[in-house]
Amino acid sequence: MIGPVVSGPPILSKVILVGQAPGPREGELGKPFAWTAGKTLFKWMDQCGESEESFREKVYMAAVCRCFPGKNPKGGDRVPNETEILNCANWFEKECHLLEPGLIIPVGKLAINQFLSFKKLTEVVGSLHQVKLKHGLVDLIPLPHPSGASTWHRTEPGIGLLKKALALVKKHPCWKNL
């Protein structure tokens, strides 16, 4: 993987957003979701009542892997492998121990797979799930990856399921208390 480590600022929040890994630009900009996917993600969060600036001040941002995994020779960013995921897992576990979140928003298949087993995004996006972490039960509202390369969130049933997921985020008690 290619450094630097990219993370959001240390925010005391009951809401954690978990992405896959930083993209190629996030390292130089020093913040997660700072490029194309971030523009889409923050349009979604704006629908939930939080601007990008407000979101970054109120929501803890983490990632499955903390460094850019590099480019895939076939195009796009390389998906982190199991060893890389395992090497970074300790960080997220410690963050959850400290923050004791009530709501986790995993973004994209890799992040969602850290909590739920599924075959298709249609099985998990648009629904509220509960997972047991060391500090107790946590609500999970999965979102698709906002990548420009993905058409899932721009075609049905993705459009409708994303809308349902964002409505769940907006009405969640932890979100309302931001």
Protein backbone atom coordinates (compact mmCIF):
# COMPACT_ATOMS: atom_id res chain seq x y z
CA MET A 1 0.00 0.00 0.00
CA ILE A 2 1.10 3.58 -0.57
CA GLY A 3 1.27 6.11 2.27
CA PRO A 4 0.57 8.41 3.84
CA VAL A 5 -2.07 7.15 6.25
CA VAL A 6 -5.27 9.11 5.63
CA SER A 7 -7.89 9.65 8.29
CA GLY A 8 -10.42 12.21 9.36
CA PRO A 9 -9.80 14.46 12.35
CA PRO A 10 -10.28 13.11 15.88
CA ILE A 11 -14.01 13.70 16.36
CA LEU A 12 -15.95 12.48 19.37
CA SER A 13 -19.01 11.13 17.59
CA LYS A 14 -21.59 8.35 17.92
CA VAL A 15 -21.67 8.15 14.11
CA ILE A 16 -18.82 6.56 12.17
CA LEU A 17 -18.56 6.50 8.39
CA VAL A 18 -16.34 3.66 7.11
CA GLY A 19 -14.93 3.73 3.60
CA GLN A 20 -12.83 1.18 1.74
CA ALA A 21 -9.46 2.96 1.52
CA PRO A 22 -8.16 6.36 0.45
CA GLY A 23 -7.93 7.08 -3.24
CA PRO A 24 -4.81 8.35 -5.02
CA ARG A 25 -5.53 12.04 -4.24
CA GLU A 26 -6.56 11.78 -0.59
CA GLY A 27 -2.96 11.44 0.65
CA GLU A 28 -1.85 14.74 -0.87
CA LEU A 29 -5.04 16.46 0.30
CA GLY A 30 -4.82 14.91 3.78
CA LYS A 31 -8.46 13.92 4.23
CA PRO A 32 -10.78 11.05 3.30
CA PHE A 33 -13.30 11.40 0.48
CA ALA A 34 -11.52 14.51 -0.80
CA TRP A 35 -11.92 13.88 -4.52
CA THR A 36 -14.56 12.61 -6.99
CA ALA A 37 -16.25 10.01 -4.77
CA GLY A 38 -16.33 12.58 -1.97
CA LYS A 39 -18.28 15.04 -4.10
CA THR A 40 -20.99 12.42 -4.59
CA LEU A 41 -20.88 11.28 -0.96
CA PHE A 42 -21.32 14.82 0.34
CA LYS A 43 -24.25 15.43 -2.02
CA TRP A 44 -25.86 12.43 -0.34
CA MET A 45 -25.05 13.75 3.14
CA ASP A 46 -26.48 17.13 2.17
CA GLN A 47 -29.78 15.32 1.54
CA CYS A 48 -29.53 14.16 5.17
CA GLY A 49 -29.13 17.76 6.35
CA GLU A 50 -25.34 17.96 6.73
CA SER A 51 -23.04 19.95 4.45
CA GLU A 52 -19.55 18.60 3.80
CA GLU A 53 -18.04 21.03 6.29
CA SER A 54 -20.59 20.16 8.97
CA PHE A 55 -20.27 16.43 8.28
CA ARG A 56 -16.48 16.55 8.62
CA GLU A 57 -16.88 18.37 11.96
CA LYS A 58 -19.47 15.96 13.40
CA VAL A 59 -18.91 12.46 11.97
CA TYR A 60 -15.87 10.28 12.62
CA MET A 61 -14.43 9.08 9.31
CA ALA A 62 -12.55 5.79 9.17
CA ALA A 63 -11.59 3.26 6.50
CA VAL A 64 -11.08 -0.47 6.27
CA CYS A 65 -7.54 0.25 5.05
CA ARG A 66 -5.75 3.48 5.89
CA CYS A 67 -3.41 3.90 2.90
CA PHE A 68 -3.99 3.99 -0.85
CA PRO A 69 -3.81 0.38 -2.10
CA GLY A 70 -2.47 1.39 -5.53
CA LYS A 71 -3.89 1.09 -8.99
CA ASN A 72 -5.43 -2.07 -10.42
CA PRO A 73 -3.56 -3.02 -13.63
CA LYS A 74 -6.98 -3.56 -15.26
CA GLY A 75 -8.12 -0.05 -14.30
CA GLY A 76 -9.41 1.74 -11.21
CA ASP A 77 -8.05 1.41 -7.70
CA ARG A 78 -6.87 -1.95 -6.41
CA VAL A 79 -9.09 -3.57 -3.76
CA PRO A 80 -7.08 -4.21 -0.57
CA ASN A 81 -6.27 -7.87 0.05
CA GLU A 82 -7.05 -9.88 3.20
CA THR A 83 -3.62 -9.28 4.75
CA GLU A 84 -3.87 -5.52 4.24
CA ILE A 85 -7.38 -5.51 5.72
CA LEU A 86 -6.19 -7.53 8.71
CA ASN A 87 -3.21 -5.20 9.23
CA CYS A 88 -5.56 -2.22 9.56
CA ALA A 89 -8.41 -3.91 11.47
CA ASN A 90 -6.90 -3.15 14.86
CA TRP A 91 -7.28 0.59 14.26
CA PHE A 92 -11.01 0.40 13.63
CA GLU A 93 -11.51 -1.91 16.59
CA LYS A 94 -9.78 0.60 18.88
CA GLU A 95 -11.77 3.51 17.41
CA CYS A 96 -15.02 1.67 18.12
CA HIS A 97 -13.83 0.91 21.65
CA LEU A 98 -13.16 4.61 22.27
CA LEU A 99 -16.21 6.06 20.52
CA GLU A 100 -18.81 3.36 21.22
CA PRO A 101 -20.79 4.30 18.10
CA GLY A 102 -24.54 3.91 17.86
CA LEU A 103 -24.53 4.19 14.06
CA ILE A 104 -21.99 2.98 11.53
CA ILE A 105 -22.37 3.90 7.87
CA PRO A 106 -20.23 1.53 5.78
CA VAL A 107 -19.68 2.82 2.25
CA GLY A 108 -19.10 0.29 -0.51
CA LYS A 109 -18.92 -3.50 -0.67
CA LEU A 110 -15.59 -3.91 1.11
CA ALA A 111 -16.65 -1.80 4.07
CA ILE A 112 -20.07 -3.44 4.28
CA ASN A 113 -18.44 -6.90 4.16
CA GLN A 114 -16.59 -6.13 7.38
CA PHE A 115 -19.96 -6.33 9.15
CA LEU A 116 -22.43 -8.27 6.98
CA SER A 117 -22.32 -11.26 4.64
CA PHE A 118 -24.12 -10.67 1.37
CA LYS A 119 -23.88 -11.37 -2.34
CA LYS A 120 -25.53 -8.30 -3.85
CA LEU A 121 -25.86 -4.71 -2.65
CA THR A 122 -29.61 -5.01 -3.12
CA GLU A 123 -29.64 -7.33 -0.08
CA VAL A 124 -28.21 -4.71 2.30
CA VAL A 125 -28.55 -1.14 0.99
CA GLY A 126 -31.81 0.55 1.95
CA SER A 127 -32.16 -1.39 5.22
CA LEU A 128 -31.16 -0.92 8.83
CA HIS A 129 -29.08 -3.75 10.27
CA GLN A 130 -27.79 -4.41 13.77
CA VAL A 131 -24.37 -5.84 14.47
CA LYS A 132 -22.76 -6.80 17.74
CA LEU A 133 -19.45 -5.13 18.52
CA LYS A 134 -17.48 -5.45 21.74
CA HIS A 135 -19.32 -2.51 23.34
CA GLY A 136 -22.78 -3.76 22.32
CA LEU A 137 -25.30 -3.62 19.48
CA VAL A 138 -24.72 -1.01 16.79
CA ASP A 139 -27.03 0.08 13.98
CA LEU A 140 -25.61 -0.20 10.49
CA ILE A 141 -26.93 1.61 7.43
CA PRO A 142 -24.92 0.55 4.36
CA LEU A 143 -24.43 2.84 1.38
CA PRO A 144 -23.10 1.99 -2.08
CA HIS A 145 -19.71 3.33 -3.04
CA PRO A 146 -20.06 6.83 -4.54
CA SER A 147 -17.35 6.17 -7.12
CA GLY A 148 -17.72 7.78 -10.51
CA ALA A 149 -16.89 4.37 -12.00
CA SER A 150 -19.94 2.78 -10.36
CA THR A 151 -23.33 2.98 -12.02
CA TRP A 152 -25.10 1.11 -9.18
CA HIS A 153 -26.27 4.25 -7.38
CA ARG A 154 -27.33 5.91 -10.65
CA THR A 155 -29.64 3.18 -11.94
CA GLU A 156 -32.57 1.27 -10.45
CA PRO A 157 -32.86 -0.43 -8.07
CA GLY A 158 -29.83 1.42 -6.70
CA ILE A 159 -31.45 4.86 -6.93
CA GLY A 160 -34.44 3.79 -4.85
CA LEU A 161 -32.40 1.79 -2.32
CA LEU A 162 -29.96 4.67 -1.85
CA LYS A 163 -32.91 6.99 -1.22
CA LYS A 164 -34.25 4.57 1.42
CA ALA A 165 -30.82 4.30 3.05
CA LEU A 166 -30.41 8.09 3.23
CA ALA A 167 -33.89 8.43 4.76
CA LEU A 168 -32.87 5.89 7.42
CA VAL A 169 -29.69 7.84 8.16
CA LYS A 170 -31.60 11.12 8.43
CA LYS A 171 -34.11 9.77 10.95
CA HIS A 172 -31.62 7.76 13.04
CA PRO A 173 -31.37 9.09 16.66
CA CYS A 174 -27.56 9.29 16.55
CA TRP A 175 -27.73 11.32 13.34
CA LYS A 176 -30.36 13.65 14.80
CA ASN A 177 -28.08 14.26 17.81
CA LEU A 178 -25.08 15.32 15.72
